[in-house]
N, C-alpha and C. Protein backbone atom coordinates (compact mmCIF):
# COMPACT_ATOMS: atom_id res chain seq x y z
N MET A 1 28.23 -23.60 9.38
CA MET A 1 27.10 -24.50 9.19
C MET A 1 25.80 -23.72 9.10
N ASN A 2 25.65 -22.73 9.96
CA ASN A 2 24.42 -21.95 9.98
C ASN A 2 24.25 -21.16 8.69
N SER A 3 25.35 -20.58 8.20
CA SER A 3 25.27 -19.78 6.98
C SER A 3 24.94 -20.66 5.78
N ALA A 4 25.46 -21.89 5.77
CA ALA A 4 25.16 -22.81 4.67
C ALA A 4 23.67 -23.14 4.66
N PHE A 5 23.12 -23.37 5.85
CA PHE A 5 21.69 -23.67 5.95
C PHE A 5 20.86 -22.47 5.49
N ALA A 6 21.32 -21.28 5.86
CA ALA A 6 20.61 -20.06 5.45
C ALA A 6 20.63 -19.92 3.94
N LYS A 7 21.78 -20.23 3.33
CA LYS A 7 21.89 -20.14 1.87
C LYS A 7 20.92 -21.11 1.20
N VAL A 8 20.87 -22.34 1.72
CA VAL A 8 20.00 -23.35 1.12
C VAL A 8 18.53 -22.94 1.24
N SER A 9 18.14 -22.49 2.42
CA SER A 9 16.75 -22.09 2.62
C SER A 9 16.42 -20.87 1.76
N ASN A 10 17.38 -19.98 1.60
CA ASN A 10 17.17 -18.79 0.77
C ASN A 10 16.97 -19.22 -0.69
N LEU A 11 17.77 -20.16 -1.14
CA LEU A 11 17.63 -20.66 -2.51
C LEU A 11 16.26 -21.31 -2.71
N LYS A 12 15.82 -22.09 -1.71
CA LYS A 12 14.52 -22.74 -1.81
C LYS A 12 13.41 -21.71 -1.92
N VAL A 13 13.50 -20.65 -1.12
CA VAL A 13 12.48 -19.60 -1.16
C VAL A 13 12.50 -18.92 -2.52
N LYS A 14 13.70 -18.62 -3.02
CA LYS A 14 13.80 -17.97 -4.33
C LYS A 14 13.19 -18.84 -5.41
N ARG A 15 13.49 -20.14 -5.35
CA ARG A 15 12.98 -21.05 -6.36
C ARG A 15 11.47 -21.14 -6.28
N THR A 16 10.94 -21.23 -5.08
CA THR A 16 9.49 -21.31 -4.89
C THR A 16 8.81 -20.05 -5.40
N SER A 17 9.37 -18.90 -5.07
CA SER A 17 8.77 -17.65 -5.52
C SER A 17 8.86 -17.53 -7.04
N LYS A 18 9.96 -18.03 -7.62
CA LYS A 18 10.11 -18.01 -9.07
C LYS A 18 9.02 -18.85 -9.72
N ILE A 19 8.78 -20.04 -9.15
CA ILE A 19 7.73 -20.91 -9.69
C ILE A 19 6.36 -20.25 -9.54
N ALA A 20 6.13 -19.63 -8.39
CA ALA A 20 4.84 -18.97 -8.14
C ALA A 20 4.63 -17.83 -9.13
N ILE A 21 5.69 -17.03 -9.34
CA ILE A 21 5.58 -15.90 -10.28
C ILE A 21 5.33 -16.42 -11.69
N THR A 22 6.04 -17.49 -12.08
CA THR A 22 5.86 -18.06 -13.41
C THR A 22 4.43 -18.56 -13.60
N LEU A 23 3.92 -19.27 -12.59
CA LEU A 23 2.54 -19.78 -12.67
C LEU A 23 1.55 -18.63 -12.77
N ALA A 24 1.74 -17.60 -11.96
CA ALA A 24 0.82 -16.47 -11.95
C ALA A 24 0.83 -15.75 -13.30
N SER A 25 2.03 -15.51 -13.83
CA SER A 25 2.13 -14.78 -15.09
C SER A 25 1.57 -15.60 -16.24
N SER A 26 1.82 -16.91 -16.25
CA SER A 26 1.29 -17.74 -17.33
C SER A 26 -0.23 -17.83 -17.24
N THR A 27 -0.75 -17.91 -16.03
CA THR A 27 -2.20 -17.94 -15.85
C THR A 27 -2.82 -16.64 -16.35
N PHE A 28 -2.19 -15.52 -15.99
CA PHE A 28 -2.70 -14.23 -16.44
C PHE A 28 -2.62 -14.11 -17.96
N PHE A 29 -1.51 -14.62 -18.54
CA PHE A 29 -1.33 -14.57 -19.99
C PHE A 29 -2.42 -15.38 -20.69
N LEU A 30 -2.69 -16.58 -20.17
CA LEU A 30 -3.74 -17.41 -20.77
C LEU A 30 -5.11 -16.75 -20.63
N PHE A 31 -5.35 -16.12 -19.46
CA PHE A 31 -6.61 -15.43 -19.24
C PHE A 31 -6.76 -14.27 -20.24
N ALA A 32 -5.67 -13.52 -20.45
CA ALA A 32 -5.68 -12.40 -21.39
C ALA A 32 -5.92 -12.91 -22.81
N LEU A 33 -5.31 -14.04 -23.14
CA LEU A 33 -5.53 -14.64 -24.47
C LEU A 33 -6.99 -15.00 -24.66
N GLY A 34 -7.59 -15.56 -23.62
CA GLY A 34 -8.99 -15.94 -23.69
C GLY A 34 -9.90 -14.74 -23.83
N GLN A 35 -9.50 -13.60 -23.29
CA GLN A 35 -10.33 -12.40 -23.34
C GLN A 35 -10.25 -11.71 -24.70
N ALA A 36 -9.14 -11.89 -25.42
CA ALA A 36 -8.97 -11.20 -26.70
C ALA A 36 -9.54 -12.03 -27.84
N PRO A 37 -10.56 -11.53 -28.53
CA PRO A 37 -11.18 -12.30 -29.62
C PRO A 37 -10.23 -12.57 -30.78
N ILE A 38 -9.28 -11.64 -31.03
CA ILE A 38 -8.33 -11.83 -32.14
C ILE A 38 -7.49 -13.07 -31.87
N PHE A 39 -6.98 -13.17 -30.62
CA PHE A 39 -6.17 -14.32 -30.26
C PHE A 39 -7.00 -15.60 -30.29
N LYS A 40 -8.27 -15.48 -29.92
CA LYS A 40 -9.16 -16.65 -29.97
C LYS A 40 -9.23 -17.18 -31.40
N ASN A 41 -9.40 -16.27 -32.35
CA ASN A 41 -9.50 -16.68 -33.75
C ASN A 41 -8.20 -17.30 -34.23
N ILE A 42 -7.07 -16.69 -33.83
CA ILE A 42 -5.76 -17.21 -34.24
C ILE A 42 -5.56 -18.62 -33.67
N MET A 43 -5.88 -18.78 -32.39
CA MET A 43 -5.70 -20.08 -31.74
C MET A 43 -6.62 -21.11 -32.38
N ALA A 44 -7.87 -20.73 -32.65
CA ALA A 44 -8.81 -21.66 -33.26
C ALA A 44 -8.32 -22.06 -34.65
N GLY A 45 -7.81 -21.10 -35.39
CA GLY A 45 -7.28 -21.40 -36.73
C GLY A 45 -6.07 -22.31 -36.66
N ALA A 46 -5.19 -22.06 -35.71
CA ALA A 46 -3.99 -22.88 -35.57
C ALA A 46 -4.35 -24.29 -35.21
N PHE A 47 -5.30 -24.46 -34.27
CA PHE A 47 -5.65 -25.80 -33.85
C PHE A 47 -6.44 -26.54 -34.94
N SER A 48 -7.26 -25.81 -35.69
CA SER A 48 -8.03 -26.48 -36.74
C SER A 48 -7.11 -26.90 -37.89
N CYS A 49 -6.07 -26.10 -38.16
CA CYS A 49 -5.13 -26.45 -39.21
C CYS A 49 -4.29 -27.66 -38.81
N SER A 50 -3.80 -27.65 -37.56
CA SER A 50 -2.94 -28.73 -37.11
C SER A 50 -3.74 -30.02 -36.94
N GLY A 51 -5.01 -29.88 -36.61
CA GLY A 51 -5.85 -31.05 -36.43
C GLY A 51 -6.26 -31.63 -37.74
């Protein structure tokens, strides 16, 4: 019983850390995109074309 509980809690921690890492990396990626003028132009062009 104890080992099963440990497994579940370990999975929860792994999942939470995975979500945290994903959020952090995506935030950093978006920040990097915002800093690069080339990407800004590409994004602006893409949105103006689709709009």
